Amino acid sequence: MGFSGGDPSALREAARSLDNLGSDLADDSLECRGPGSDIAGAATGEIGVLAQNAVLAAGGAVAAAAVLVSAMGTGSDTAGEQLDLATGGQVAR
């Protein structure tokens, strides 16, 4: 079924890789809390608060990236399943 294009196994492998990356990014986003608190304690007044907010915002951006990557992994897995159904498990050539 050449019209379907793609390899279901490769799609599932990509899904696993994306899921692993999403988990790593989620873990990394949590690591921003510690430095953010350290910065707030080290800098005085409003500067410390602003610096902490900047670090936490970066952590939030990483967390958002984790969600997007995880969603791409889910999409790849679903595409692999649908391609299996459409092709009877045959890889397009």
PDB file of N, CA and C in Angstrom:
ATOM      1  N   MET A   1       0.845  -1.179   0.000  1.00  0.00           N
ATOM      2  CA  MET A   1       0.000   0.000   0.000  1.00  0.00           C
ATOM      3  C   MET A   1       0.889   1.242   0.000  1.00  0.00           C
ATOM      4  N   GLY A   2       1.511   1.479  -1.115  1.00  0.00           N
ATOM      5  CA  GLY A   2       2.446   2.584  -1.214  1.00  0.00           C
ATOM      6  C   GLY A   2       1.832   3.949  -0.991  1.00  0.00           C
ATOM      7  N   PHE A   3       0.547   4.092  -1.230  1.00  0.00           N
ATOM      8  CA  PHE A   3      -0.071   5.409  -1.078  1.00  0.00           C
ATOM      9  C   PHE A   3      -0.094   5.881   0.364  1.00  0.00           C
ATOM     10  N   SER A   4      -0.034   4.956   1.298  1.00  0.00           N
ATOM     11  CA  SER A   4      -0.132   5.359   2.707  1.00  0.00           C
ATOM     12  C   SER A   4       1.153   5.983   3.207  1.00  0.00           C
ATOM     13  N   GLY A   5       2.273   5.563   2.636  1.00  0.00           N
ATOM     14  CA  GLY A   5       3.562   6.145   2.998  1.00  0.00           C
ATOM     15  C   GLY A   5       3.929   5.932   4.449  1.00  0.00           C
ATOM     16  N   GLY A   6       5.132   5.522   4.712  1.00  0.00           N
ATOM     17  CA  GLY A   6       5.605   5.427   6.076  1.00  0.00           C
ATOM     18  C   GLY A   6       5.776   4.009   6.570  1.00  0.00           C
ATOM     19  N   ASP A   7       6.348   3.922   7.737  1.00  0.00           N
ATOM     20  CA  ASP A   7       6.662   2.647   8.370  1.00  0.00           C
ATOM     21  C   ASP A   7       6.070   2.677   9.778  1.00  0.00           C
ATOM     22  N   PRO A   8       5.075   1.833  10.044  1.00  0.00           N
ATOM     23  CA  PRO A   8       4.441   1.847  11.365  1.00  0.00           C
ATOM     24  C   PRO A   8       5.433   1.629  12.509  1.00  0.00           C
ATOM     25  N   SER A   9       6.402   0.755  12.293  1.00  0.00           N
ATOM     26  CA  SER A   9       7.397   0.497  13.342  1.00  0.00           C
ATOM     27  C   SER A   9       8.237   1.735  13.613  1.00  0.00           C
ATOM     28  N   ALA A  10       8.617   2.425  12.547  1.00  0.00           N
ATOM     29  CA  ALA A  10       9.406   3.649  12.712  1.00  0.00           C
ATOM     30  C   ALA A  10       8.596   4.725  13.432  1.00  0.00           C
ATOM     31  N   LEU A  11       7.319   4.790  13.138  1.00  0.00           N
ATOM     32  CA  LEU A  11       6.461   5.759  13.822  1.00  0.00           C
ATOM     33  C   LEU A  11       6.367   5.450  15.310  1.00  0.00           C
ATOM     34  N   ARG A  12       6.243   4.175  15.656  1.00  0.00           N
ATOM     35  CA  ARG A  12       6.174   3.813  17.068  1.00  0.00           C
ATOM     36  C   ARG A  12       7.513   4.075  17.772  1.00  0.00           C
ATOM     37  N   GLU A  13       8.604   3.825  17.063  1.00  0.00           N
ATOM     38  CA  GLU A  13       9.918   4.116  17.638  1.00  0.00           C
ATOM     39  C   GLU A  13      10.074   5.621  17.884  1.00  0.00           C
ATOM     40  N   ALA A  14       9.621   6.422  16.917  1.00  0.00           N
ATOM     41  CA  ALA A  14       9.665   7.876  17.090  1.00  0.00           C
ATOM     42  C   ALA A  14       8.790   8.299  18.267  1.00  0.00           C
ATOM     43  N   ALA A  15       7.644   7.638  18.421  1.00  0.00           N
ATOM     44  CA  ALA A  15       6.743   7.958  19.540  1.00  0.00           C
ATOM     45  C   ALA A  15       7.435   7.694  20.868  1.00  0.00           C
ATOM     46  N   ARG A  16       8.138   6.564  20.968  1.00  0.00           N
ATOM     47  CA  ARG A  16       8.853   6.258  22.215  1.00  0.00           C
ATOM     48  C   ARG A  16       9.942   7.292  22.485  1.00  0.00           C
ATOM     49  N   SER A  17      10.663   7.666  21.441  1.00  0.00           N
ATOM     50  CA  SER A  17      11.720   8.669  21.610  1.00  0.00           C
ATOM     51  C   SER A  17      11.147  10.010  22.049  1.00  0.00           C
ATOM     52  N   LEU A  18      10.036  10.405  21.442  1.00  0.00           N
ATOM     53  CA  LEU A  18       9.394  11.671  21.810  1.00  0.00           C
ATOM     54  C   LEU A  18       8.856  11.614  23.239  1.00  0.00           C
ATOM     55  N   ASP A  19       8.302  10.483  23.629  1.00  0.00           N
ATOM     56  CA  ASP A  19       7.822  10.343  25.013  1.00  0.00           C
ATOM     57  C   ASP A  19       8.973  10.471  26.004  1.00  0.00           C
ATOM     58  N   ASN A  20      10.111   9.842  25.686  1.00  0.00           N
ATOM     59  CA  ASN A  20      11.280   9.950  26.566  1.00  0.00           C
ATOM     60  C   ASN A  20      11.775  11.384  26.654  1.00  0.00           C
ATOM     61  N   LEU A  21      11.814  12.062  25.504  1.00  0.00           N
ATOM     62  CA  LEU A  21      12.233  13.466  25.490  1.00  0.00           C
ATOM     63  C   LEU A  21      11.273  14.328  26.294  1.00  0.00           C
ATOM     64  N   GLY A  22       9.961  14.081  26.139  1.00  0.00           N
ATOM     65  CA  GLY A  22       8.964  14.826  26.905  1.00  0.00           C
ATOM     66  C   GLY A  22       9.151  14.647  28.406  1.00  0.00           C
ATOM     67  N   SER A  23       9.446  13.418  28.830  1.00  0.00           N
ATOM     68  CA  SER A  23       9.685  13.165  30.254  1.00  0.00           C
ATOM     69  C   SER A  23      10.929  13.889  30.742  1.00  0.00           C
ATOM     70  N   ASP A  24      11.987  13.860  29.928  1.00  0.00           N
ATOM     71  CA  ASP A  24      13.219  14.563  30.297  1.00  0.00           C
ATOM     72  C   ASP A  24      12.981  16.069  30.423  1.00  0.00           C
ATOM     73  N   LEU A  25      12.230  16.623  29.482  1.00  0.00           N
ATOM     74  CA  LEU A  25      11.934  18.056  29.541  1.00  0.00           C
ATOM     75  C   LEU A  25      11.096  18.399  30.764  1.00  0.00           C
ATOM     76  N   ALA A  26      10.140  17.544  31.089  1.00  0.00           N
ATOM     77  CA  ALA A  26       9.315  17.785  32.278  1.00  0.00           C
ATOM     78  C   ALA A  26      10.184  17.779  33.531  1.00  0.00           C
ATOM     79  N   ASP A  27      11.119  16.829  33.601  1.00  0.00           N
ATOM     80  CA  ASP A  27      12.033  16.792  34.742  1.00  0.00           C
ATOM     81  C   ASP A  27      12.894  18.051  34.790  1.00  0.00           C
ATOM     82  N   ASP A  28      13.377  18.478  33.622  1.00  0.00           N
ATOM     83  CA  ASP A  28      14.213  19.681  33.563  1.00  0.00           C
ATOM     84  C   ASP A  28      13.443  20.920  34.016  1.00  0.00           C
ATOM     85  N   SER A  29      12.172  20.985  33.657  1.00  0.00           N
ATOM     86  CA  SER A  29      11.388  22.162  34.051  1.00  0.00           C
ATOM     87  C   SER A  29      11.257  22.256  35.564  1.00  0.00           C
ATOM     88  N   LEU A  30      11.194  21.106  36.227  1.00  0.00           N
ATOM     89  CA  LEU A  30      11.099  21.110  37.694  1.00  0.00           C
ATOM     90  C   LEU A  30      12.396  21.570  38.347  1.00  0.00           C
ATOM     91  N   GLU A  31      13.504  21.375  37.644  1.00  0.00           N
ATOM     92  CA  GLU A  31      14.807  21.772  38.177  1.00  0.00           C
ATOM     93  C   GLU A  31      14.952  23.298  38.273  1.00  0.00           C
ATOM     94  N   CYS A  32      14.090  24.037  37.629  1.00  0.00           N
ATOM     95  CA  CYS A  32      14.177  25.508  37.663  1.00  0.00           C
ATOM     96  C   CYS A  32      13.708  26.083  39.000  1.00  0.00           C
ATOM     97  N   ARG A  33      12.986  25.310  39.764  1.00  0.00           N
ATOM     98  CA  ARG A  33      12.485  25.834  41.041  1.00  0.00           C
ATOM     99  C   ARG A  33      13.619  26.136  42.013  1.00  0.00           C
ATOM    100  N   GLY A  34      14.573  25.205  42.113  1.00  0.00           N
ATOM    101  CA  GLY A  34      15.684  25.388  43.054  1.00  0.00           C
ATOM    102  C   GLY A  34      16.492  26.642  42.779  1.00  0.00           C
ATOM    103  N   PRO A  35      17.020  26.788  41.549  1.00  0.00           N
ATOM    104  CA  PRO A  35      17.790  27.996  41.252  1.00  0.00           C
ATOM    105  C   PRO A  35      16.967  29.273  41.392  1.00  0.00           C
ATOM    106  N   GLY A  36      15.680  29.196  41.057  1.00  0.00           N
ATOM    107  CA  GLY A  36      14.834  30.375  41.203  1.00  0.00           C
ATOM    108  C   GLY A  36      14.759  30.826  42.645  1.00  0.00           C
ATOM    109  N   SER A  37      14.615  29.888  43.563  1.00  0.00           N
ATOM    110  CA  SER A  37      14.564  30.218  44.989  1.00  0.00           C
ATOM    111  C   SER A  37      15.916  30.707  45.488  1.00  0.00           C
ATOM    112  N   ASP A  38      16.994  30.078  45.002  1.00  0.00           N
ATOM    113  CA  ASP A  38      18.343  30.507  45.388  1.00  0.00           C
ATOM    114  C   ASP A  38      18.607  31.941  44.953  1.00  0.00           C
ATOM    115  N   ILE A  39      18.188  32.266  43.740  1.00  0.00           N
ATOM    116  CA  ILE A  39      18.400  33.619  43.220  1.00  0.00           C
ATOM    117  C   ILE A  39      17.613  34.627  44.050  1.00  0.00           C
ATOM    118  N   ALA A  40      16.381  34.273  44.381  1.00  0.00           N
ATOM    119  CA  ALA A  40      15.555  35.194  45.162  1.00  0.00           C
ATOM    120  C   ALA A  40      16.175  35.450  46.520  1.00  0.00           C
ATOM    121  N   GLY A  41      16.797  34.431  47.096  1.00  0.00           N
ATOM    122  CA  GLY A  41      17.424  34.601  48.404  1.00  0.00           C
ATOM    123  C   GLY A  41      18.727  35.364  48.332  1.00  0.00           C
ATOM    124  N   ALA A  42      19.434  35.233  47.211  1.00  0.00           N
ATOM    125  CA  ALA A  42      20.741  35.870  47.080  1.00  0.00           C
ATOM    126  C   ALA A  42      20.629  37.349  46.715  1.00  0.00           C
ATOM    127  N   ALA A  43      19.651  37.690  45.907  1.00  0.00           N
ATOM    128  CA  ALA A  43      19.477  39.083  45.486  1.00  0.00           C
ATOM    129  C   ALA A  43      18.462  39.741  46.409  1.00  0.00           C
ATOM    130  N   THR A  44      18.673  41.000  46.656  1.00  0.00           N
ATOM    131  CA  THR A  44      17.796  41.695  47.595  1.00  0.00           C
ATOM    132  C   THR A  44      16.614  42.349  46.889  1.00  0.00           C
ATOM    133  N   GLY A  45      15.529  42.393  47.601  1.00  0.00           N
ATOM    134  CA  GLY A  45      14.355  43.148  47.175  1.00  0.00           C
ATOM    135  C   GLY A  45      13.770  42.707  45.848  1.00  0.00           C
ATOM    136  N   GLU A  46      13.360  43.704  45.107  1.00  0.00           N
ATOM    137  CA  GLU A  46      12.641  43.481  43.865  1.00  0.00           C
ATOM    138  C   GLU A  46      13.502  42.791  42.811  1.00  0.00           C
ATOM    139  N   ILE A  47      14.783  43.018  42.819  1.00  0.00           N
ATOM    140  CA  ILE A  47      15.675  42.383  41.839  1.00  0.00           C
ATOM    141  C   ILE A  47      15.638  40.869  42.007  1.00  0.00           C
ATOM    142  N   GLY A  48      15.651  40.401  43.239  1.00  0.00           N
ATOM    143  CA  GLY A  48      15.568  38.965  43.494  1.00  0.00           C
ATOM    144  C   GLY A  48      14.271  38.366  43.002  1.00  0.00           C
ATOM    145  N   VAL A  49      13.182  39.069  43.230  1.00  0.00           N
ATOM    146  CA  VAL A  49      11.868  38.589  42.790  1.00  0.00           C
ATOM    147  C   VAL A  49      11.815  38.533  41.272  1.00  0.00           C
ATOM    148  N   LEU A  50      12.319  39.569  40.611  1.00  0.00           N
ATOM    149  CA  LEU A  50      12.323  39.595  39.145  1.00  0.00           C
ATOM    150  C   LEU A  50      13.190  38.475  38.579  1.00  0.00           C
ATOM    151  N   ALA A  51      14.350  38.252  39.177  1.00  0.00           N
ATOM    152  CA  ALA A  51      15.232  37.183  38.719  1.00  0.00           C
ATOM    153  C   ALA A  51      14.581  35.821  38.924  1.00  0.00           C
ATOM    154  N   GLN A  52      13.952  35.639  40.077  1.00  0.00           N
ATOM    155  CA  GLN A  52      13.263  34.377  40.335  1.00  0.00           C
ATOM    156  C   GLN A  52      12.153  34.161  39.321  1.00  0.00           C
ATOM    157  N   ASN A  53      11.386  35.190  39.036  1.00  0.00           N
ATOM    158  CA  ASN A  53      10.300  35.076  38.062  1.00  0.00           C
ATOM    159  C   ASN A  53      10.827  34.719  36.676  1.00  0.00           C
ATOM    160  N   ALA A  54      11.977  35.287  36.313  1.00  0.00           N
ATOM    161  CA  ALA A  54      12.561  34.977  35.004  1.00  0.00           C
ATOM    162  C   ALA A  54      12.957  33.508  34.917  1.00  0.00           C
ATOM    163  N   VAL A  55      13.577  32.989  35.965  1.00  0.00           N
ATOM    164  CA  VAL A  55      13.981  31.576  35.972  1.00  0.00           C
ATOM    165  C   VAL A  55      12.748  30.679  35.956  1.00  0.00           C
ATOM    166  N   LEU A  56      11.742  31.023  36.726  1.00  0.00           N
ATOM    167  CA  LEU A  56      10.526  30.211  36.756  1.00  0.00           C
ATOM    168  C   LEU A  56       9.777  30.281  35.422  1.00  0.00           C
ATOM    169  N   ALA A  57       9.827  31.423  34.761  1.00  0.00           N
ATOM    170  CA  ALA A  57       9.205  31.541  33.433  1.00  0.00           C
ATOM    171  C   ALA A  57       9.917  30.631  32.432  1.00  0.00           C
ATOM    172  N   ALA A  58      11.237  30.572  32.525  1.00  0.00           N
ATOM    173  CA  ALA A  58      11.987  29.664  31.656  1.00  0.00           C
ATOM    174  C   ALA A  58      11.569  28.220  31.934  1.00  0.00           C
ATOM    175  N   GLY A  59      11.395  27.875  33.203  1.00  0.00           N
ATOM    176  CA  GLY A  59      10.919  26.541  33.556  1.00  0.00           C
ATOM    177  C   GLY A  59       9.539  26.263  32.989  1.00  0.00           C
ATOM    178  N   GLY A  60       8.694  27.281  33.000  1.00  0.00           N
ATOM    179  CA  GLY A  60       7.360  27.138  32.415  1.00  0.00           C
ATOM    180  C   GLY A  60       7.415  26.896  30.919  1.00  0.00           C
ATOM    181  N   ALA A  61       8.336  27.577  30.244  1.00  0.00           N
ATOM    182  CA  ALA A  61       8.496  27.377  28.803  1.00  0.00           C
ATOM    183  C   ALA A  61       8.976  25.952  28.519  1.00  0.00           C
ATOM    184  N   VAL A  62       9.872  25.451  29.343  1.00  0.00           N
ATOM    185  CA  VAL A  62      10.354  24.072  29.173  1.00  0.00           C
ATOM    186  C   VAL A  62       9.214  23.092  29.441  1.00  0.00           C
ATOM    187  N   ALA A  63       8.395  23.373  30.439  1.00  0.00           N
ATOM    188  CA  ALA A  63       7.246  22.505  30.729  1.00  0.00           C
ATOM    189  C   ALA A  63       6.270  22.496  29.548  1.00  0.00           C
ATOM    190  N   ALA A  64       6.050  23.657  28.948  1.00  0.00           N
ATOM    191  CA  ALA A  64       5.166  23.730  27.778  1.00  0.00           C
ATOM    192  C   ALA A  64       5.743  22.923  26.620  1.00  0.00           C
ATOM    193  N   ALA A  65       7.053  23.007  26.430  1.00  0.00           N
ATOM    194  CA  ALA A  65       7.700  22.221  25.380  1.00  0.00           C
ATOM    195  C   ALA A  65       7.524  20.730  25.661  1.00  0.00           C
ATOM    196  N   ALA A  66       7.592  20.341  26.923  1.00  0.00           N
ATOM    197  CA  ALA A  66       7.408  18.937  27.288  1.00  0.00           C
ATOM    198  C   ALA A  66       6.024  18.447  26.894  1.00  0.00           C
ATOM    199  N   VAL A  67       5.027  19.275  27.109  1.00  0.00           N
ATOM    200  CA  VAL A  67       3.655  18.903  26.754  1.00  0.00           C
ATOM    201  C   VAL A  67       3.528  18.742  25.237  1.00  0.00           C
ATOM    202  N   LEU A  68       4.119  19.671  24.484  1.00  0.00           N
ATOM    203  CA  LEU A  68       4.045  19.594  23.022  1.00  0.00           C
ATOM    204  C   LEU A  68       4.758  18.356  22.491  1.00  0.00           C
ATOM    205  N   VAL A  69       5.947  18.078  23.016  1.00  0.00           N
ATOM    206  CA  VAL A  69       6.711  16.911  22.569  1.00  0.00           C
ATOM    207  C   VAL A  69       5.957  15.626  22.900  1.00  0.00           C
ATOM    208  N   SER A  70       5.377  15.570  24.080  1.00  0.00           N
ATOM    209  CA  SER A  70       4.603  14.397  24.472  1.00  0.00           C
ATOM    210  C   SER A  70       3.397  14.206  23.553  1.00  0.00           C
ATOM    211  N   ALA A  71       2.759  15.295  23.188  1.00  0.00           N
ATOM    212  CA  ALA A  71       1.621  15.217  22.267  1.00  0.00           C
ATOM    213  C   ALA A  71       2.062  14.722  20.895  1.00  0.00           C
ATOM    214  N   MET A  72       3.240  15.145  20.447  1.00  0.00           N
ATOM    215  CA  MET A  72       3.750  14.649  19.167  1.00  0.00           C
ATOM    216  C   MET A  72       4.033  13.152  19.252  1.00  0.00           C
ATOM    217  N   GLY A  73       4.501  12.693  20.409  1.00  0.00           N
ATOM    218  CA  GLY A  73       4.722  11.264  20.598  1.00  0.00           C
ATOM    219  C   GLY A  73       3.424  10.485  20.505  1.00  0.00           C
ATOM    220  N   THR A  74       2.388  10.999  21.144  1.00  0.00           N
ATOM    221  CA  THR A  74       1.077  10.354  21.081  1.00  0.00           C
ATOM    222  C   THR A  74       0.559  10.331  19.643  1.00  0.00           C
ATOM    223  N   GLY A  75       0.756  11.440  18.936  1.00  0.00           N
ATOM    224  CA  GLY A  75       0.331  11.502  17.535  1.00  0.00           C
ATOM    225  C   GLY A  75       1.076  10.506  16.667  1.00  0.00           C
ATOM    226  N   SER A  76       2.365  10.359  16.900  1.00  0.00           N
ATOM    227  CA  SER A  76       3.157   9.395  16.128  1.00  0.00           C
ATOM    228  C   SER A  76       2.698   7.970  16.396  1.00  0.00           C
ATOM    229  N   ASP A  77       2.402   7.674  17.648  1.00  0.00           N
ATOM    230  CA  ASP A  77       1.924   6.337  18.001  1.00  0.00           C
ATOM    231  C   ASP A  77       0.585   6.053  17.339  1.00  0.00           C
ATOM    232  N   THR A  78      -0.304   7.025  17.383  1.00  0.00           N
ATOM    233  CA  THR A  78      -1.617   6.870  16.754  1.00  0.00           C
ATOM    234  C   THR A  78      -1.479   6.699  15.249  1.00  0.00           C
ATOM    235  N   ALA A  79      -0.594   7.489  14.637  1.00  0.00           N
ATOM    236  CA  ALA A  79      -0.377   7.374  13.186  1.00  0.00           C
ATOM    237  C   ALA A  79       0.149   5.988  12.835  1.00  0.00           C
ATOM    238  N   GLY A  80       1.042   5.458  13.672  1.00  0.00           N
ATOM    239  CA  GLY A  80       1.553   4.110  13.432  1.00  0.00           C
ATOM    240  C   GLY A  80       0.457   3.065  13.495  1.00  0.00           C
ATOM    241  N   GLU A  81      -0.419   3.182  14.485  1.00  0.00           N
ATOM    242  CA  GLU A  81      -1.538   2.243  14.606  1.00  0.00           C
ATOM    243  C   GLU A  81      -2.464   2.334  13.398  1.00  0.00           C
ATOM    244  N   GLN A  82      -2.781   3.548  12.988  1.00  0.00           N
ATOM    245  CA  GLN A  82      -3.673   3.728  11.847  1.00  0.00           C
ATOM    246  C   GLN A  82      -3.033   3.231  10.562  1.00  0.00           C
ATOM    247  N   LEU A  83      -1.730   3.431  10.431  1.00  0.00           N
ATOM    248  CA  LEU A  83      -1.025   2.949   9.250  1.00  0.00           C
ATOM    249  C   LEU A  83      -1.003   1.424   9.219  1.00  0.00           C
ATOM    250  N   ASP A  84      -0.844   0.822  10.396  1.00  0.00           N
ATOM    251  CA  ASP A  84      -0.931  -0.642  10.480  1.00  0.00           C
ATOM    252  C   ASP A  84      -2.291  -1.135   9.985  1.00  0.00           C
ATOM    253  N   LEU A  85      -3.344  -0.474  10.444  1.00  0.00           N
ATOM    254  CA  LEU A  85      -4.684  -0.870  10.033  1.00  0.00           C
ATOM    255  C   LEU A  85      -4.897  -0.669   8.541  1.00  0.00           C
ATOM    256  N   ALA A  86      -4.393   0.426   7.999  1.00  0.00           N
ATOM    257  CA  ALA A  86      -4.602   0.737   6.590  1.00  0.00           C
ATOM    258  C   ALA A  86      -3.799  -0.167   5.665  1.00  0.00           C
ATOM    259  N   THR A  87      -2.630  -0.609   6.128  1.00  0.00           N
ATOM    260  CA  THR A  87      -1.746  -1.380   5.251  1.00  0.00           C
ATOM    261  C   THR A  87      -1.695  -2.859   5.607  1.00  0.00           C
ATOM    262  N   GLY A  88      -2.374  -3.248   6.663  1.00  0.00           N
ATOM    263  CA  GLY A  88      -2.265  -4.622   7.114  1.00  0.00           C
ATOM    264  C   GLY A  88      -0.886  -4.930   7.653  1.00  0.00           C
ATOM    265  N   GLY A  89      -0.186  -3.899   8.128  1.00  0.00           N
ATOM    266  CA  GLY A  89       1.145  -4.060   8.708  1.00  0.00           C
ATOM    267  C   GLY A  89       2.272  -4.047   7.702  1.00  0.00           C
ATOM    268  N   GLN A  90       1.960  -3.803   6.443  1.00  0.00           N
ATOM    269  CA  GLN A  90       3.012  -3.759   5.422  1.00  0.00           C
ATOM    270  C   GLN A  90       3.650  -2.382   5.370  1.00  0.00           C
ATOM    271  N   VAL A  91       4.959  -2.366   5.227  1.00  0.00           N
ATOM    272  CA  VAL A  91       5.692  -1.117   5.121  1.00  0.00           C
ATOM    273  C   VAL A  91       5.626  -0.629   3.685  1.00  0.00           C
ATOM    274  N   ALA A  92       5.300   0.641   3.496  1.00  0.00           N
ATOM    275  CA  ALA A  92       5.271   1.222   2.143  1.00  0.00           C
ATOM    276  C   ALA A  92       6.685   1.307   1.597  1.00  0.00           C
ATOM    277  N   ARG A  93       6.824   1.059   0.331  1.00  0.00           N
ATOM    278  CA  ARG A  93       8.161   1.115  -0.310  1.00  0.00           C
ATOM    279  C   ARG A  93       8.172   2.167  -1.390  1.00  0.00           C
TER     280      ARG A  93
END
